[in-house]
Amino acid sequence: MNNLLNEKKILIAGAGGLLGAKIVKYALAQGAQVIAADINVDLMQEKLRHQQVDLSCEALSLVPLDVTNEAEVKAFFATQVGITGAVNSTYPRNSTYGAHFFDVSLQSFNENLALHLGSAFLFTQQCAAYFQDKLEPFSLVNISSIYGVVAPKFDIYDNTPMTMPVEYAAVKSAILHLNKYAAAYVNDSRFRINCVSPGGIFDHQPDAFLDAYKGNTHGAGMLDVDEIIGSIMFLLSEQSKFVTGQNIIVDDGFSI
């Protein structure tokens, strides 16, 4: 379907990331006005250029935004008008993120939860506050993961230095319930909040991991980031007008 987001104004937080930059590209292609936000505007511009996004496009504006900074997020929303939807594709974490389970300190665990889950809460809260101030239809899409739904399959990390971070599982599962909480609390059909939970996204991981991961899917293996975008566009559009509190899993059967 084309022009799904005509007359929509979409905020994309984390627009300098692997997923966020693609969301910007596709949202513009679907007719949206896009506010692309990231903590590092220079890096965001580089990533968007790599996606062949025209930075001079009148439908695109680039803004700095640190989603972990409460005052900054509140000030941002206070100056906005006409936003009809938002996607939070940010992934804040500290320098010790990604350690194996027994190597994770309590301090590091708590810090990563504060950064990632805390900012997800703040962004969700302020989207809801923005809606209650404007009382115009608003669709928020948060990004969870298959590992917010099922336990990790640790054997796919054998013969690699990789692991599935415990902080990631804690955060992504919590975001799913945060969505339901917020949707129930606002209790207005004009405010919708949903999740998309991708399976593994290809980012040049080790071959041993890619092969093992593929063996747990129905044949596709790691997905290209483009293959996640359709579900996000659907949730931002009028095609999902009464879909709320839901989670769309895109993983080629990995979680079955």
Protein backbone atom coordinates (compact mmCIF):
# COMPACT_ATOMS: atom_id res chain seq x y z
CA MET A 1 0.00 0.00 0.00
CA ASN A 2 1.20 3.51 -0.79
CA ASN A 3 0.79 6.85 0.97
CA LEU A 4 -0.11 5.21 4.29
CA LEU A 5 1.12 8.25 6.19
CA ASN A 6 -0.26 11.12 4.13
CA GLU A 7 -1.17 14.04 6.40
CA LYS A 8 0.71 12.38 9.29
CA LYS A 9 3.51 14.01 11.28
CA ILE A 10 5.77 11.37 12.79
CA LEU A 11 8.48 11.75 15.42
CA ILE A 12 11.24 9.15 15.13
CA ALA A 13 13.57 9.00 18.11
CA GLY A 14 16.86 7.22 17.54
CA ALA A 15 16.85 8.22 13.88
CA GLY A 16 20.62 7.80 13.68
CA GLY A 17 20.42 4.07 14.42
CA LEU A 18 20.27 1.02 12.17
CA LEU A 19 16.49 0.77 12.49
CA GLY A 20 15.68 4.44 13.03
CA ALA A 21 17.32 5.67 9.82
CA LYS A 22 15.31 3.16 7.80
CA ILE A 23 12.08 4.22 9.52
CA VAL A 24 12.77 7.82 8.49
CA LYS A 25 13.33 6.75 4.87
CA TYR A 26 10.15 4.69 4.68
CA ALA A 27 7.96 7.19 6.57
CA LEU A 28 8.95 9.92 4.11
CA ALA A 29 8.23 7.56 1.21
CA GLN A 30 4.77 6.93 2.67
CA GLY A 31 3.99 10.65 2.66
CA ALA A 32 4.68 11.63 6.26
CA GLN A 33 6.21 14.77 7.62
CA VAL A 34 9.08 13.46 9.74
CA ILE A 35 10.85 14.82 12.79
CA ALA A 36 14.08 12.81 13.01
CA ALA A 37 15.58 13.03 16.48
CA ASP A 38 18.81 11.68 17.91
CA ILE A 39 21.34 12.60 20.57
CA ASN A 40 24.03 13.02 17.89
CA VAL A 41 22.73 15.06 14.93
CA ASP A 42 25.96 14.77 12.93
CA LEU A 43 25.91 10.98 13.12
CA MET A 44 22.20 10.97 12.32
CA GLN A 45 22.84 13.03 9.17
CA GLU A 46 25.55 10.58 8.12
CA LYS A 47 23.26 7.57 8.64
CA LEU A 48 20.41 9.21 6.75
CA ARG A 49 22.67 10.12 3.84
CA HIS A 50 23.74 6.48 3.75
CA GLN A 51 20.05 5.59 3.34
CA GLN A 52 19.87 8.12 0.48
CA VAL A 53 17.50 10.35 2.43
CA ASP A 54 17.38 13.88 1.01
CA LEU A 55 18.32 16.03 4.01
CA SER A 56 16.97 19.13 2.25
CA CYS A 57 13.50 17.59 1.94
CA GLU A 58 10.86 20.04 3.23
CA ALA A 59 9.00 17.17 4.93
CA LEU A 60 12.05 16.34 7.09
CA SER A 61 13.38 18.15 10.13
CA LEU A 62 16.36 17.05 12.20
CA VAL A 63 16.51 17.78 15.92
CA PRO A 64 18.85 16.88 18.78
CA LEU A 65 17.14 14.89 21.52
CA ASP A 66 18.53 12.95 24.50
CA VAL A 67 15.73 10.60 25.53
CA THR A 68 17.43 9.96 28.89
CA ASN A 69 17.17 13.66 29.84
CA GLU A 70 13.78 14.39 31.43
CA ALA A 71 13.96 18.18 31.13
CA GLU A 72 15.02 17.96 27.48
CA VAL A 73 12.25 15.54 26.51
CA LYS A 74 9.58 17.60 28.27
CA ALA A 75 10.86 20.81 26.68
CA PHE A 76 10.82 19.18 23.25
CA PHE A 77 7.18 18.10 23.46
CA ALA A 78 6.16 21.48 24.88
CA THR A 79 7.22 23.16 21.62
CA GLN A 80 5.57 20.71 19.20
CA VAL A 81 2.29 20.88 17.34
CA GLY A 82 0.58 18.47 14.98
CA ILE A 83 2.43 15.24 15.85
CA THR A 84 0.21 12.26 15.05
CA GLY A 85 2.60 9.44 15.87
CA ALA A 86 6.00 8.50 17.22
CA VAL A 87 8.48 5.64 17.10
CA ASN A 88 11.05 5.11 19.84
CA SER A 89 13.91 3.18 18.28
CA THR A 90 16.56 4.41 20.74
CA TYR A 91 18.94 1.97 22.44
CA PRO A 92 20.82 3.80 25.23
CA ARG A 93 23.34 1.70 27.18
CA ASN A 94 26.53 2.07 29.19
CA SER A 95 30.11 1.04 28.42
CA THR A 96 29.85 -2.32 30.22
CA TYR A 97 26.64 -3.39 28.51
CA GLY A 98 26.68 -6.85 26.92
CA ALA A 99 28.68 -8.76 29.52
CA HIS A 100 27.91 -12.39 30.24
CA PHE A 101 25.38 -13.05 33.02
CA PHE A 102 27.83 -13.75 35.88
CA ASP A 103 30.01 -10.80 34.88
CA VAL A 104 27.25 -8.20 35.15
CA SER A 105 27.53 -6.07 38.28
CA LEU A 106 24.41 -4.80 40.03
CA GLN A 107 25.51 -1.23 39.39
CA SER A 108 25.86 -1.84 35.66
CA PHE A 109 22.56 -3.72 35.50
CA ASN A 110 20.73 -0.92 37.29
CA GLU A 111 22.35 1.74 35.12
CA ASN A 112 21.35 0.01 31.91
CA LEU A 113 17.78 -0.42 33.10
CA ALA A 114 17.67 3.25 34.02
CA LEU A 115 19.03 4.27 30.62
CA HIS A 116 16.94 2.02 28.38
CA LEU A 117 13.75 1.23 30.32
CA GLY A 118 13.80 4.59 32.08
CA SER A 119 13.97 6.48 28.81
CA ALA A 120 11.26 4.26 27.30
CA PHE A 121 9.04 5.17 30.25
CA LEU A 122 9.85 8.87 29.89
CA PHE A 123 9.19 8.91 26.15
CA THR A 124 5.94 6.98 26.56
CA GLN A 125 4.81 9.21 29.42
CA GLN A 126 5.49 12.38 27.47
CA CYS A 127 3.75 11.09 24.34
CA ALA A 128 0.72 10.39 26.51
CA ALA A 129 0.95 13.84 28.12
CA TYR A 130 1.22 15.41 24.66
CA PHE A 131 -1.92 13.56 23.59
CA GLN A 132 -3.86 14.64 26.66
CA ASP A 133 -2.88 18.24 26.00
CA LYS A 134 -3.82 18.20 22.29
CA LEU A 135 -6.56 15.53 22.27
CA GLU A 136 -5.79 14.65 18.68
CA PRO A 137 -5.23 11.04 17.49
CA PHE A 138 -1.76 9.73 18.31
CA SER A 139 -0.07 6.38 17.65
CA LEU A 140 3.09 5.43 19.55
CA VAL A 141 5.22 2.48 18.49
CA ASN A 142 7.83 1.16 20.92
CA ILE A 143 10.39 -1.43 19.89
CA SER A 144 10.62 -4.61 21.93
CA SER A 145 12.18 -7.92 20.83
CA ILE A 146 11.56 -11.63 20.59
CA TYR A 147 13.69 -11.79 23.73
CA GLY A 148 11.05 -9.75 25.48
CA VAL A 149 8.67 -12.63 24.70
CA VAL A 150 10.66 -15.88 24.94
CA ALA A 151 13.75 -17.04 26.81
CA PRO A 152 17.08 -16.78 24.98
CA LYS A 153 18.35 -19.73 22.96
CA PHE A 154 21.86 -19.57 24.32
CA ASP A 155 23.20 -22.39 22.15
CA ILE A 156 23.12 -20.12 19.07
CA TYR A 157 25.90 -18.07 20.69
CA ASP A 158 28.25 -21.07 20.97
CA ASN A 159 31.61 -20.57 19.23
CA THR A 160 31.20 -16.78 19.32
CA PRO A 161 32.15 -14.09 21.86
CA MET A 162 28.52 -12.97 21.85
CA THR A 163 25.75 -13.44 24.41
CA MET A 164 22.18 -12.24 24.89
CA PRO A 165 22.50 -9.50 27.52
CA VAL A 166 20.35 -9.98 30.60
CA GLU A 167 19.61 -6.25 30.69
CA TYR A 168 18.14 -6.47 27.19
CA ALA A 169 15.73 -9.25 28.18
CA ALA A 170 14.65 -7.36 31.31
CA VAL A 171 14.07 -4.11 29.42
CA LYS A 172 12.34 -5.50 26.36
CA SER A 173 9.90 -7.63 28.38
CA ALA A 174 9.11 -4.65 30.61
CA ILE A 175 8.39 -2.41 27.62
CA LEU A 176 5.63 -4.79 26.52
CA HIS A 177 3.81 -4.34 29.80
CA LEU A 178 4.60 -0.63 29.99
CA ASN A 179 2.69 -0.27 26.72
CA LYS A 180 -0.37 -2.01 28.13
CA TYR A 181 -0.20 0.04 31.31
CA ALA A 182 -0.05 3.32 29.40
CA ALA A 183 -2.83 2.36 27.00
CA ALA A 184 -5.09 1.32 29.89
CA TYR A 185 -4.24 4.41 31.94
CA VAL A 186 -4.98 6.91 29.16
CA ASN A 187 -8.10 4.92 28.21
CA ASP A 188 -8.92 6.80 25.03
CA SER A 189 -9.30 5.21 21.60
CA ARG A 190 -7.56 8.20 20.03
CA PHE A 191 -4.31 7.33 21.85
CA ARG A 192 -2.81 4.05 20.68
CA ILE A 193 0.40 2.41 21.81
CA ASN A 194 1.84 -0.79 20.38
CA CYS A 195 5.11 -2.69 20.02
CA VAL A 196 6.98 -4.31 17.20
CA SER A 197 9.27 -7.14 18.31
CA PRO A 198 11.89 -8.00 15.72
CA GLY A 199 13.82 -11.22 15.59
CA GLY A 200 17.50 -10.99 14.82
CA ILE A 201 18.47 -8.18 12.47
CA PHE A 202 21.49 -8.76 10.25
CA ASP A 203 24.42 -6.55 11.19
CA HIS A 204 27.46 -8.53 10.03
CA GLN A 205 27.44 -10.97 12.96
CA PRO A 206 29.86 -13.96 13.01
CA ASP A 207 29.06 -16.75 10.54
CA ALA A 208 28.73 -19.35 13.31
CA PHE A 209 26.00 -17.26 14.91
CA LEU A 210 24.22 -16.57 11.63
CA ASP A 211 24.12 -20.27 10.77
CA ALA A 212 22.88 -21.30 14.20
CA TYR A 213 20.26 -18.57 14.23
CA LYS A 214 18.99 -19.56 10.79
CA GLY A 215 18.49 -23.13 12.01
CA ASN A 216 15.90 -21.83 14.48
CA THR A 217 13.82 -19.99 11.87
CA HIS A 218 11.70 -21.25 8.99
CA GLY A 219 14.51 -20.55 6.57
CA ALA A 220 15.06 -16.79 6.42
CA GLY A 221 17.61 -16.54 9.20
CA MET A 222 18.57 -13.05 10.32
CA LEU A 223 16.24 -10.46 8.83
CA ASP A 224 17.21 -7.37 6.93
CA VAL A 225 16.12 -4.23 8.74
CA ASP A 226 13.81 -3.36 5.80
CA GLU A 227 11.70 -6.39 6.67
CA ILE A 228 10.72 -4.91 10.04
CA ILE A 229 9.47 -1.59 8.70
CA GLY A 230 6.09 -2.65 7.25
CA SER A 231 4.67 -3.47 10.67
CA ILE A 232 5.76 -0.07 12.00
CA MET A 233 4.18 1.77 9.05
CA PHE A 234 0.96 -0.21 9.61
CA LEU A 235 0.80 0.77 13.28
CA LEU A 236 1.40 4.45 12.51
CA SER A 237 -1.32 4.48 9.86
CA GLU A 238 -5.11 4.56 9.89
CA GLN A 239 -5.05 0.89 8.83
CA SER A 240 -4.51 0.02 12.51
CA LYS A 241 -6.98 2.57 13.88
CA PHE A 242 -8.24 0.44 16.77
CA VAL A 243 -5.16 -1.70 17.40
CA THR A 244 -3.72 -0.86 20.81
CA GLY A 245 -1.73 -2.57 23.54
CA GLN A 246 -0.52 -5.18 21.04
CA ASN A 247 2.82 -6.66 20.05
CA ILE A 248 3.64 -7.64 16.46
CA ILE A 249 6.42 -10.26 16.34
CA VAL A 250 8.46 -10.31 13.12
CA ASP A 251 10.89 -13.24 13.37
CA ASP A 252 10.19 -15.91 10.72
CA GLY A 253 9.11 -18.36 13.39
CA PHE A 254 12.12 -18.06 15.71
CA SER A 255 9.91 -17.66 18.79
CA ILE A 256 7.60 -20.58 17.96
